[in-house]
Amino acid sequence: MDDAKLERTIEFILNNQAQFTVDIQKLQESQKEGEKRVNVLERACLNLYNTSVEQNEAIAEQTKNISQLSADVRELREGQKETDERLNTVILMAEKFFSGENGNSKK
């Protein structure tokens, strides 16, 4: 191998090495940017998870409250029925009293 050919080979190797060094630096920068993006996504996922857990707890509490409200409404309906029956009895007694059907007719 003559000197010119050896020099071209060395220059070729040095150019390739320089290009590899540049490429590696670009990859390292790209990796750093990728790590930043992954960290952002990781925090976003964690926030979404925490929000999901909080919402599930809130939904469970609301379900419990709705069940209690339903039971209270049923109880109120039953009480209202009893009140209606008692009021109807009072109204009937008042009607009888004022119409003279209680055995003492007004003359």
PDB file of N, CA and C in Angstrom:
ATOM      1  N   MET A   1       0.851  -1.156   0.000  1.00  0.00           N
ATOM      2  CA  MET A   1       0.000   0.000   0.000  1.00  0.00           C
ATOM      3  C   MET A   1       0.910   1.235   0.000  1.00  0.00           C
ATOM      4  N   ASP A   2       0.640   2.103  -0.938  1.00  0.00           N
ATOM      5  CA  ASP A   2       1.481   3.299  -1.014  1.00  0.00           C
ATOM      6  C   ASP A   2       0.985   4.348  -0.025  1.00  0.00           C
ATOM      7  N   ASP A   3       1.770   5.391   0.166  1.00  0.00           N
ATOM      8  CA  ASP A   3       1.476   6.422   1.163  1.00  0.00           C
ATOM      9  C   ASP A   3       0.169   7.147   0.876  1.00  0.00           C
ATOM     10  N   ALA A   4      -0.143   7.427  -0.367  1.00  0.00           N
ATOM     11  CA  ALA A   4      -1.368   8.144  -0.725  1.00  0.00           C
ATOM     12  C   ALA A   4      -2.594   7.304  -0.374  1.00  0.00           C
ATOM     13  N   LYS A   5      -2.497   6.017  -0.708  1.00  0.00           N
ATOM     14  CA  LYS A   5      -3.619   5.142  -0.409  1.00  0.00           C
ATOM     15  C   LYS A   5      -3.779   5.000   1.105  1.00  0.00           C
ATOM     16  N   LEU A   6      -2.687   4.878   1.843  1.00  0.00           N
ATOM     17  CA  LEU A   6      -2.712   4.766   3.296  1.00  0.00           C
ATOM     18  C   LEU A   6      -3.290   6.047   3.902  1.00  0.00           C
ATOM     19  N   GLU A   7      -2.891   7.169   3.365  1.00  0.00           N
ATOM     20  CA  GLU A   7      -3.386   8.454   3.862  1.00  0.00           C
ATOM     21  C   GLU A   7      -4.883   8.596   3.601  1.00  0.00           C
ATOM     22  N   ARG A   8      -5.353   8.173   2.430  1.00  0.00           N
ATOM     23  CA  ARG A   8      -6.787   8.212   2.132  1.00  0.00           C
ATOM     24  C   ARG A   8      -7.558   7.277   3.053  1.00  0.00           C
ATOM     25  N   THR A   9      -7.006   6.127   3.332  1.00  0.00           N
ATOM     26  CA  THR A   9      -7.653   5.171   4.234  1.00  0.00           C
ATOM     27  C   THR A   9      -7.745   5.751   5.644  1.00  0.00           C
ATOM     28  N   ILE A  10      -6.655   6.342   6.102  1.00  0.00           N
ATOM     29  CA  ILE A  10      -6.643   6.957   7.439  1.00  0.00           C
ATOM     30  C   ILE A  10      -7.653   8.104   7.480  1.00  0.00           C
ATOM     31  N   GLU A  11      -7.649   8.923   6.423  1.00  0.00           N
ATOM     32  CA  GLU A  11      -8.600  10.044   6.358  1.00  0.00           C
ATOM     33  C   GLU A  11     -10.034   9.530   6.354  1.00  0.00           C
ATOM     34  N   PHE A  12     -10.285   8.454   5.620  1.00  0.00           N
ATOM     35  CA  PHE A  12     -11.614   7.850   5.581  1.00  0.00           C
ATOM     36  C   PHE A  12     -12.023   7.374   6.978  1.00  0.00           C
ATOM     37  N   ILE A  13     -11.114   6.708   7.656  1.00  0.00           N
ATOM     38  CA  ILE A  13     -11.397   6.193   9.008  1.00  0.00           C
ATOM     39  C   ILE A  13     -11.641   7.348   9.965  1.00  0.00           C
ATOM     40  N   LEU A  14     -10.811   8.403   9.874  1.00  0.00           N
ATOM     41  CA  LEU A  14     -10.982   9.554  10.752  1.00  0.00           C
ATOM     42  C   LEU A  14     -12.310  10.266  10.481  1.00  0.00           C
ATOM     43  N   ASN A  15     -12.678  10.395   9.201  1.00  0.00           N
ATOM     44  CA  ASN A  15     -13.961  11.015   8.862  1.00  0.00           C
ATOM     45  C   ASN A  15     -15.128  10.197   9.392  1.00  0.00           C
ATOM     46  N   ASN A  16     -15.020   8.886   9.217  1.00  0.00           N
ATOM     47  CA  ASN A  16     -16.077   8.007   9.747  1.00  0.00           C
ATOM     48  C   ASN A  16     -16.157   8.100  11.262  1.00  0.00           C
ATOM     49  N   GLN A  17     -15.007   8.135  11.917  1.00  0.00           N
ATOM     50  CA  GLN A  17     -14.980   8.248  13.382  1.00  0.00           C
ATOM     51  C   GLN A  17     -15.595   9.581  13.811  1.00  0.00           C
ATOM     52  N   ALA A  18     -15.273  10.632  13.094  1.00  0.00           N
ATOM     53  CA  ALA A  18     -15.843  11.947  13.412  1.00  0.00           C
ATOM     54  C   ALA A  18     -17.358  11.913  13.232  1.00  0.00           C
ATOM     55  N   GLN A  19     -17.815  11.288  12.148  1.00  0.00           N
ATOM     56  CA  GLN A  19     -19.257  11.191  11.898  1.00  0.00           C
ATOM     57  C   GLN A  19     -19.928  10.346  12.974  1.00  0.00           C
ATOM     58  N   PHE A  20     -19.282   9.261  13.394  1.00  0.00           N
ATOM     59  CA  PHE A  20     -19.822   8.431  14.476  1.00  0.00           C
ATOM     60  C   PHE A  20     -19.933   9.249  15.761  1.00  0.00           C
ATOM     61  N   THR A  21     -18.926  10.049  16.042  1.00  0.00           N
ATOM     62  CA  THR A  21     -18.935  10.881  17.246  1.00  0.00           C
ATOM     63  C   THR A  21     -20.090  11.872  17.192  1.00  0.00           C
ATOM     64  N   VAL A  22     -20.298  12.498  16.044  1.00  0.00           N
ATOM     65  CA  VAL A  22     -21.413  13.437  15.869  1.00  0.00           C
ATOM     66  C   VAL A  22     -22.742  12.708  16.018  1.00  0.00           C
ATOM     67  N   ASP A  23     -22.838  11.545  15.379  1.00  0.00           N
ATOM     68  CA  ASP A  23     -24.079  10.768  15.472  1.00  0.00           C
ATOM     69  C   ASP A  23     -24.373  10.350  16.908  1.00  0.00           C
ATOM     70  N   ILE A  24     -23.352   9.948  17.644  1.00  0.00           N
ATOM     71  CA  ILE A  24     -23.529   9.539  19.042  1.00  0.00           C
ATOM     72  C   ILE A  24     -23.980  10.733  19.877  1.00  0.00           C
ATOM     73  N   GLN A  25     -23.407  11.912  19.625  1.00  0.00           N
ATOM     74  CA  GLN A  25     -23.819  13.116  20.355  1.00  0.00           C
ATOM     75  C   GLN A  25     -25.284  13.445  20.063  1.00  0.00           C
ATOM     76  N   LYS A  26     -25.669  13.310  18.789  1.00  0.00           N
ATOM     77  CA  LYS A  26     -27.069  13.561  18.430  1.00  0.00           C
ATOM     78  C   LYS A  26     -27.996  12.568  19.136  1.00  0.00           C
ATOM     79  N   LEU A  27     -27.574  11.302  19.166  1.00  0.00           N
ATOM     80  CA  LEU A  27     -28.384  10.279  19.836  1.00  0.00           C
ATOM     81  C   LEU A  27     -28.492  10.555  21.338  1.00  0.00           C
ATOM     82  N   GLN A  28     -27.394  10.996  21.939  1.00  0.00           N
ATOM     83  CA  GLN A  28     -27.429  11.317  23.367  1.00  0.00           C
ATOM     84  C   GLN A  28     -28.377  12.479  23.643  1.00  0.00           C
ATOM     85  N   GLU A  29     -28.326  13.509  22.794  1.00  0.00           N
ATOM     86  CA  GLU A  29     -29.240  14.639  22.956  1.00  0.00           C
ATOM     87  C   GLU A  29     -30.691  14.188  22.766  1.00  0.00           C
ATOM     88  N   SER A  30     -30.891  13.355  21.776  1.00  0.00           N
ATOM     89  CA  SER A  30     -32.229  12.837  21.513  1.00  0.00           C
ATOM     90  C   SER A  30     -32.718  11.994  22.692  1.00  0.00           C
ATOM     91  N   GLN A  31     -31.824  11.215  23.267  1.00  0.00           N
ATOM     92  CA  GLN A  31     -32.187  10.392  24.415  1.00  0.00           C
ATOM     93  C   GLN A  31     -32.559  11.275  25.607  1.00  0.00           C
ATOM     94  N   LYS A  32     -31.816  12.356  25.825  1.00  0.00           N
ATOM     95  CA  LYS A  32     -32.130  13.269  26.927  1.00  0.00           C
ATOM     96  C   LYS A  32     -33.519  13.887  26.717  1.00  0.00           C
ATOM     97  N   GLU A  33     -33.802  14.291  25.497  1.00  0.00           N
ATOM     98  CA  GLU A  33     -35.122  14.847  25.195  1.00  0.00           C
ATOM     99  C   GLU A  33     -36.209  13.794  25.396  1.00  0.00           C
ATOM    100  N   GLY A  34     -35.920  12.587  24.967  1.00  0.00           N
ATOM    101  CA  GLY A  34     -36.875  11.486  25.151  1.00  0.00           C
ATOM    102  C   GLY A  34     -37.125  11.209  26.622  1.00  0.00           C
ATOM    103  N   GLU A  35     -36.081  11.266  27.440  1.00  0.00           N
ATOM    104  CA  GLU A  35     -36.238  11.045  28.879  1.00  0.00           C
ATOM    105  C   GLU A  35     -37.104  12.138  29.491  1.00  0.00           C
ATOM    106  N   LYS A  36     -36.912  13.383  29.040  1.00  0.00           N
ATOM    107  CA  LYS A  36     -37.748  14.476  29.550  1.00  0.00           C
ATOM    108  C   LYS A  36     -39.215  14.232  29.198  1.00  0.00           C
ATOM    109  N   ARG A  37     -39.453  13.826  27.960  1.00  0.00           N
ATOM    110  CA  ARG A  37     -40.826  13.577  27.528  1.00  0.00           C
ATOM    111  C   ARG A  37     -41.437  12.406  28.298  1.00  0.00           C
ATOM    112  N   VAL A  38     -40.648  11.366  28.523  1.00  0.00           N
ATOM    113  CA  VAL A  38     -41.139  10.209  29.281  1.00  0.00           C
ATOM    114  C   VAL A  38     -41.468  10.634  30.708  1.00  0.00           C
ATOM    115  N   ASN A  39     -40.641  11.495  31.297  1.00  0.00           N
ATOM    116  CA  ASN A  39     -40.913  11.978  32.658  1.00  0.00           C
ATOM    117  C   ASN A  39     -42.217  12.761  32.709  1.00  0.00           C
ATOM    118  N   VAL A  40     -42.448  13.592  31.697  1.00  0.00           N
ATOM    119  CA  VAL A  40     -43.694  14.354  31.637  1.00  0.00           C
ATOM    120  C   VAL A  40     -44.883  13.393  31.513  1.00  0.00           C
ATOM    121  N   LEU A  41     -44.756  12.419  30.632  1.00  0.00           N
ATOM    122  CA  LEU A  41     -45.830  11.437  30.461  1.00  0.00           C
ATOM    123  C   LEU A  41     -46.047  10.622  31.732  1.00  0.00           C
ATOM    124  N   GLU A  42     -44.977  10.302  32.401  1.00  0.00           N
ATOM    125  CA  GLU A  42     -45.063   9.538  33.642  1.00  0.00           C
ATOM    126  C   GLU A  42     -45.840  10.328  34.700  1.00  0.00           C
ATOM    127  N   ARG A  43     -45.522  11.618  34.834  1.00  0.00           N
ATOM    128  CA  ARG A  43     -46.251  12.455  35.791  1.00  0.00           C
ATOM    129  C   ARG A  43     -47.713  12.588  35.393  1.00  0.00           C
ATOM    130  N   ALA A  44     -47.961  12.743  34.087  1.00  0.00           N
ATOM    131  CA  ALA A  44     -49.345  12.867  33.612  1.00  0.00           C
ATOM    132  C   ALA A  44     -50.120  11.588  33.918  1.00  0.00           C
ATOM    133  N   CYS A  45     -49.520  10.443  33.695  1.00  0.00           N
ATOM    134  CA  CYS A  45     -50.183   9.159  33.979  1.00  0.00           C
ATOM    135  C   CYS A  45     -50.459   9.014  35.471  1.00  0.00           C
ATOM    136  N   LEU A  46     -49.501   9.405  36.283  1.00  0.00           N
ATOM    137  CA  LEU A  46     -49.685   9.326  37.729  1.00  0.00           C
ATOM    138  C   LEU A  46     -50.813  10.248  38.173  1.00  0.00           C
ATOM    139  N   ASN A  47     -50.857  11.452  37.614  1.00  0.00           N
ATOM    140  CA  ASN A  47     -51.939  12.380  37.942  1.00  0.00           C
ATOM    141  C   ASN A  47     -53.294  11.818  37.515  1.00  0.00           C
ATOM    142  N   LEU A  48     -53.341  11.231  36.326  1.00  0.00           N
ATOM    143  CA  LEU A  48     -54.594  10.624  35.858  1.00  0.00           C
ATOM    144  C   LEU A  48     -55.018   9.472  36.765  1.00  0.00           C
ATOM    145  N   TYR A  49     -54.054   8.671  37.174  1.00  0.00           N
ATOM    146  CA  TYR A  49     -54.360   7.554  38.069  1.00  0.00           C
ATOM    147  C   TYR A  49     -54.919   8.078  39.393  1.00  0.00           C
ATOM    148  N   ASN A  50     -54.237   9.070  39.963  1.00  0.00           N
ATOM    149  CA  ASN A  50     -54.694   9.622  41.246  1.00  0.00           C
ATOM    150  C   ASN A  50     -56.089  10.232  41.112  1.00  0.00           C
ATOM    151  N   THR A  51     -56.323  10.927  40.015  1.00  0.00           N
ATOM    152  CA  THR A  51     -57.643  11.507  39.773  1.00  0.00           C
ATOM    153  C   THR A  51     -58.690  10.416  39.637  1.00  0.00           C
ATOM    154  N   SER A  52     -58.338   9.334  38.961  1.00  0.00           N
ATOM    155  CA  SER A  52     -59.255   8.214  38.783  1.00  0.00           C
ATOM    156  C   SER A  52     -59.606   7.582  40.134  1.00  0.00           C
ATOM    157  N   VAL A  53     -58.612   7.415  40.979  1.00  0.00           N
ATOM    158  CA  VAL A  53     -58.853   6.844  42.311  1.00  0.00           C
ATOM    159  C   VAL A  53     -59.775   7.762  43.106  1.00  0.00           C
ATOM    160  N   GLU A  54     -59.501   9.078  43.062  1.00  0.00           N
ATOM    161  CA  GLU A  54     -60.341  10.034  43.785  1.00  0.00           C
ATOM    162  C   GLU A  54     -61.776  10.010  43.259  1.00  0.00           C
ATOM    163  N   GLN A  55     -61.929   9.927  41.941  1.00  0.00           N
ATOM    164  CA  GLN A  55     -63.270   9.894  41.361  1.00  0.00           C
ATOM    165  C   GLN A  55     -63.995   8.618  41.761  1.00  0.00           C
ATOM    166  N   ASN A  56     -63.296   7.495  41.770  1.00  0.00           N
ATOM    167  CA  ASN A  56     -63.932   6.238  42.187  1.00  0.00           C
ATOM    168  C   ASN A  56     -64.403   6.323  43.629  1.00  0.00           C
ATOM    169  N   GLU A  57     -63.586   6.945  44.488  1.00  0.00           N
ATOM    170  CA  GLU A  57     -63.985   7.103  45.886  1.00  0.00           C
ATOM    171  C   GLU A  57     -65.201   8.023  45.983  1.00  0.00           C
ATOM    172  N   ALA A  58     -65.193   9.103  45.201  1.00  0.00           N
ATOM    173  CA  ALA A  58     -66.322  10.035  45.215  1.00  0.00           C
ATOM    174  C   ALA A  58     -67.587   9.355  44.698  1.00  0.00           C
ATOM    175  N   ILE A  59     -67.457   8.553  43.660  1.00  0.00           N
ATOM    176  CA  ILE A  59     -68.616   7.830  43.107  1.00  0.00           C
ATOM    177  C   ILE A  59     -69.157   6.844  44.137  1.00  0.00           C
ATOM    178  N   ALA A  60     -68.266   6.159  44.828  1.00  0.00           N
ATOM    179  CA  ALA A  60     -68.709   5.216  45.859  1.00  0.00           C
ATOM    180  C   ALA A  60     -69.463   5.956  46.964  1.00  0.00           C
ATOM    181  N   GLU A  61     -68.954   7.114  47.362  1.00  0.00           N
ATOM    182  CA  GLU A  61     -69.619   7.912  48.400  1.00  0.00           C
ATOM    183  C   GLU A  61     -70.975   8.405  47.905  1.00  0.00           C
ATOM    184  N   GLN A  62     -71.036   8.852  46.652  1.00  0.00           N
ATOM    185  CA  GLN A  62     -72.307   9.320  46.098  1.00  0.00           C
ATOM    186  C   GLN A  62     -73.308   8.175  45.992  1.00  0.00           C
ATOM    187  N   THR A  63     -72.844   7.005  45.616  1.00  0.00           N
ATOM    188  CA  THR A  63     -73.727   5.838  45.538  1.00  0.00           C
ATOM    189  C   THR A  63     -74.303   5.528  46.911  1.00  0.00           C
ATOM    190  N   LYS A  64     -73.458   5.605  47.925  1.00  0.00           N
ATOM    191  CA  LYS A  64     -73.911   5.369  49.296  1.00  0.00           C
ATOM    192  C   LYS A  64     -74.946   6.420  49.696  1.00  0.00           C
ATOM    193  N   ASN A  65     -74.672   7.681  49.363  1.00  0.00           N
ATOM    194  CA  ASN A  65     -75.605   8.759  49.700  1.00  0.00           C
ATOM    195  C   ASN A  65     -76.934   8.597  48.965  1.00  0.00           C
ATOM    196  N   ILE A  66     -76.875   8.204  47.701  1.00  0.00           N
ATOM    197  CA  ILE A  66     -78.103   7.997  46.924  1.00  0.00           C
ATOM    198  C   ILE A  66     -78.914   6.855  47.516  1.00  0.00           C
ATOM    199  N   SER A  67     -78.245   5.799  47.941  1.00  0.00           N
ATOM    200  CA  SER A  67     -78.952   4.674  48.565  1.00  0.00           C
ATOM    201  C   SER A  67     -79.649   5.134  49.845  1.00  0.00           C
ATOM    202  N   GLN A  68     -78.949   5.955  50.623  1.00  0.00           N
ATOM    203  CA  GLN A  68     -79.543   6.460  51.861  1.00  0.00           C
ATOM    204  C   GLN A  68     -80.725   7.376  51.552  1.00  0.00           C
ATOM    205  N   LEU A  69     -80.558   8.217  50.533  1.00  0.00           N
ATOM    206  CA  LEU A  69     -81.669   9.100  50.141  1.00  0.00           C
ATOM    207  C   LEU A  69     -82.877   8.295  49.666  1.00  0.00           C
ATOM    208  N   SER A  70     -82.625   7.237  48.923  1.00  0.00           N
ATOM    209  CA  SER A  70     -83.724   6.378  48.460  1.00  0.00           C
ATOM    210  C   SER A  70     -84.451   5.758  49.637  1.00  0.00           C
ATOM    211  N   ALA A  71     -83.688   5.301  50.616  1.00  0.00           N
ATOM    212  CA  ALA A  71     -84.310   4.718  51.811  1.00  0.00           C
ATOM    213  C   ALA A  71     -85.110   5.782  52.555  1.00  0.00           C
ATOM    214  N   ASP A  72     -84.570   6.985  52.641  1.00  0.00           N
ATOM    215  CA  ASP A  72     -85.286   8.073  53.314  1.00  0.00           C
ATOM    216  C   ASP A  72     -86.577   8.421  52.578  1.00  0.00           C
ATOM    217  N   VAL A  73     -86.536   8.444  51.248  1.00  0.00           N
ATOM    218  CA  VAL A  73     -87.738   8.745  50.462  1.00  0.00           C
ATOM    219  C   VAL A  73     -88.791   7.665  50.686  1.00  0.00           C
ATOM    220  N   ARG A  74     -88.374   6.393  50.717  1.00  0.00           N
ATOM    221  CA  ARG A  74     -89.331   5.310  50.989  1.00  0.00           C
ATOM    222  C   ARG A  74     -89.976   5.500  52.364  1.00  0.00           C
ATOM    223  N   GLU A  75     -89.155   5.847  53.330  1.00  0.00           N
ATOM    224  CA  GLU A  75     -89.667   6.065  54.686  1.00  0.00           C
ATOM    225  C   GLU A  75     -90.646   7.249  54.710  1.00  0.00           C
ATOM    226  N   LEU A  76     -90.301   8.305  53.988  1.00  0.00           N
ATOM    227  CA  LEU A  76     -91.201   9.460  53.921  1.00  0.00           C
ATOM    228  C   LEU A  76     -92.515   9.107  53.237  1.00  0.00           C
ATOM    229  N   ARG A  77     -92.444   8.291  52.173  1.00  0.00           N
ATOM    230  CA  ARG A  77     -93.674   7.865  51.493  1.00  0.00           C
ATOM    231  C   ARG A  77     -94.578   7.107  52.443  1.00  0.00           C
ATOM    232  N   GLU A  78     -93.983   6.192  53.210  1.00  0.00           N
ATOM    233  CA  GLU A  78     -94.778   5.413  54.163  1.00  0.00           C
ATOM    234  C   GLU A  78     -95.387   6.324  55.217  1.00  0.00           C
ATOM    235  N   GLY A  79     -94.602   7.281  55.692  1.00  0.00           N
ATOM    236  CA  GLY A  79     -95.124   8.231  56.670  1.00  0.00           C
ATOM    237  C   GLY A  79     -96.218   9.099  56.080  1.00  0.00           C
ATOM    238  N   GLN A  80     -96.047   9.481  54.819  1.00  0.00           N
ATOM    239  CA  GLN A  80     -97.064  10.296  54.144  1.00  0.00           C
ATOM    240  C   GLN A  80     -98.365   9.519  53.988  1.00  0.00           C
ATOM    241  N   LYS A  81     -98.253   8.224  53.671  1.00  0.00           N
ATOM    242  CA  LYS A  81     -99.459   7.396  53.557  1.00  0.00           C
ATOM    243  C   LYS A  81    -100.202   7.362  54.890  1.00  0.00           C
ATOM    244  N   GLU A  82     -99.442   7.167  55.968  1.00  0.00           N
ATOM    245  CA  GLU A  82    -100.066   7.124  57.290  1.00  0.00           C
ATOM    246  C   GLU A  82    -100.694   8.480  57.636  1.00  0.00           C
ATOM    247  N   THR A  83     -99.990   9.547  57.307  1.00  0.00           N
ATOM    248  CA  THR A  83    -100.531  10.890  57.561  1.00  0.00           C
ATOM    249  C   THR A  83    -101.804  11.119  56.759  1.00  0.00           C
ATOM    250  N   ASP A  84    -101.779  10.687  55.475  1.00  0.00           N
ATOM    251  CA  ASP A  84    -102.971  10.833  54.629  1.00  0.00           C
ATOM    252  C   ASP A  84    -104.155  10.071  55.225  1.00  0.00           C
ATOM    253  N   GLU A  85    -103.894   8.851  55.693  1.00  0.00           N
ATOM    254  CA  GLU A  85    -104.976   8.036  56.272  1.00  0.00           C
ATOM    255  C   GLU A  85    -105.545   8.712  57.519  1.00  0.00           C
ATOM    256  N   ARG A  86    -104.662   9.216  58.369  1.00  0.00           N
ATOM    257  CA  ARG A  86    -105.119   9.871  59.603  1.00  0.00           C
ATOM    258  C   ARG A  86    -105.861  11.165  59.290  1.00  0.00           C
ATOM    259  N   LEU A  87    -105.354  11.910  58.291  1.00  0.00           N
ATOM    260  CA  LEU A  87    -106.020  13.146  57.899  1.00  0.00           C
ATOM    261  C   LEU A  87    -107.400  12.857  57.308  1.00  0.00           C
ATOM    262  N   ASN A  88    -107.465  11.808  56.503  1.00  0.00           N
ATOM    263  CA  ASN A  88    -108.767  11.409  55.949  1.00  0.00           C
ATOM    264  C   ASN A  88    -109.748  11.058  57.074  1.00  0.00           C
ATOM    265  N   THR A  89    -109.270  10.396  58.101  1.00  0.00           N
ATOM    266  CA  THR A  89    -110.119  10.051  59.241  1.00  0.00           C
ATOM    267  C   THR A  89    -110.612  11.322  59.930  1.00  0.00           C
ATOM    268  N   VAL A  90    -109.715  12.283  60.139  1.00  0.00           N
ATOM    269  CA  VAL A  90    -110.098  13.547  60.781  1.00  0.00           C
ATOM    270  C   VAL A  90    -111.107  14.294  59.914  1.00  0.00           C
ATOM    271  N   ILE A  91    -110.870  14.317  58.602  1.00  0.00           N
ATOM    272  CA  ILE A  91    -111.788  14.998  57.686  1.00  0.00           C
ATOM    273  C   ILE A  91    -113.167  14.332  57.736  1.00  0.00           C
ATOM    274  N   LEU A  92    -113.187  13.003  57.729  1.00  0.00           N
ATOM    275  CA  LEU A  92    -114.452  12.270  57.793  1.00  0.00           C
ATOM    276  C   LEU A  92    -115.179  12.585  59.089  1.00  0.00           C
ATOM    277  N   MET A  93    -114.460  12.622  60.202  1.00  0.00           N
ATOM    278  CA  MET A  93    -115.068  12.940  61.492  1.00  0.00           C
ATOM    279  C   MET A  93    -115.603  14.370  61.490  1.00  0.00           C
ATOM    280  N   ALA A  94    -114.835  15.282  60.889  1.00  0.00           N
ATOM    281  CA  ALA A  94    -115.286  16.680  60.839  1.00  0.00           C
ATOM    282  C   ALA A  94    -116.523  16.801  59.964  1.00  0.00           C
ATOM    283  N   GLU A  95    -116.531  16.092  58.841  1.00  0.00           N
ATOM    284  CA  GLU A  95    -117.702  16.137  57.961  1.00  0.00           C
ATOM    285  C   GLU A  95    -118.934  15.600  58.679  1.00  0.00           C
ATOM    286  N   LYS A  96    -118.754  14.499  59.397  1.00  0.00           N
ATOM    287  CA  LYS A  96    -119.877  13.926  60.147  1.00  0.00           C
ATOM    288  C   LYS A  96    -120.347  14.890  61.228  1.00  0.00           C
ATOM    289  N   PHE A  97    -119.400  15.515  61.901  1.00  0.00           N
ATOM    290  CA  PHE A  97    -119.748  16.428  62.984  1.00  0.00           C
ATOM    291  C   PHE A  97    -120.533  17.628  62.456  1.00  0.00           C
ATOM    292  N   PHE A  98    -120.028  18.196  61.364  1.00  0.00           N
ATOM    293  CA  PHE A  98    -120.670  19.398  60.845  1.00  0.00           C
ATOM    294  C   PHE A  98    -121.958  19.092  60.078  1.00  0.00           C
ATOM    295  N   SER A  99    -122.093  17.862  59.608  1.00  0.00           N
ATOM    296  CA  SER A  99    -123.330  17.524  58.897  1.00  0.00           C
ATOM    297  C   SER A  99    -124.380  16.966  59.856  1.00  0.00           C
ATOM    298  N   GLY A 100    -124.051  16.765  61.087  1.00  0.00           N
ATOM    299  CA  GLY A 100    -124.991  16.285  62.078  1.00  0.00           C
ATOM    300  C   GLY A 100    -125.147  14.795  62.084  1.00  0.00           C
ATOM    301  N   GLU A 101    -124.214  14.041  61.572  1.00  0.00           N
ATOM    302  CA  GLU A 101    -124.319  12.581  61.538  1.00  0.00           C
ATOM    303  C   GLU A 101    -123.747  11.927  62.768  1.00  0.00           C
ATOM    304  N   ASN A 102    -123.400  12.674  63.788  1.00  0.00           N
ATOM    305  CA  ASN A 102    -122.794  12.092  64.966  1.00  0.00           C
ATOM    306  C   ASN A 102    -123.813  11.673  66.009  1.00  0.00           C
ATOM    307  N   GLY A 103    -125.058  11.691  65.627  1.00  0.00           N
ATOM    308  CA  GLY A 103    -126.108  11.289  66.552  1.00  0.00           C
ATOM    309  C   GLY A 103    -126.809  12.480  67.148  1.00  0.00           C
ATOM    310  N   ASN A 104    -126.248  13.613  67.075  1.00  0.00           N
ATOM    311  CA  ASN A 104    -126.892  14.835  67.567  1.00  0.00           C
ATOM    312  C   ASN A 104    -127.168  15.735  66.384  1.00  0.00           C
ATOM    313  N   SER A 105    -128.283  15.642  65.854  1.00  0.00           N
ATOM    314  CA  SER A 105    -128.588  16.463  64.699  1.00  0.00           C
ATOM    315  C   SER A 105    -128.923  17.860  65.166  1.00  0.00           C
ATOM    316  N   LYS A 106    -128.437  18.778  64.428  1.00  0.00           N
ATOM    317  CA  LYS A 106    -128.678  20.176  64.783  1.00  0.00           C
ATOM    318  C   LYS A 106    -130.031  20.610  64.211  1.00  0.00           C
ATOM    319  N   LYS A 107    -130.842  21.194  65.031  1.00  0.00           N
ATOM    320  CA  LYS A 107    -132.175  21.617  64.586  1.00  0.00           C
ATOM    321  C   LYS A 107    -132.360  23.061  64.845  1.00  0.00           C
TER     322      LYS A 107
END
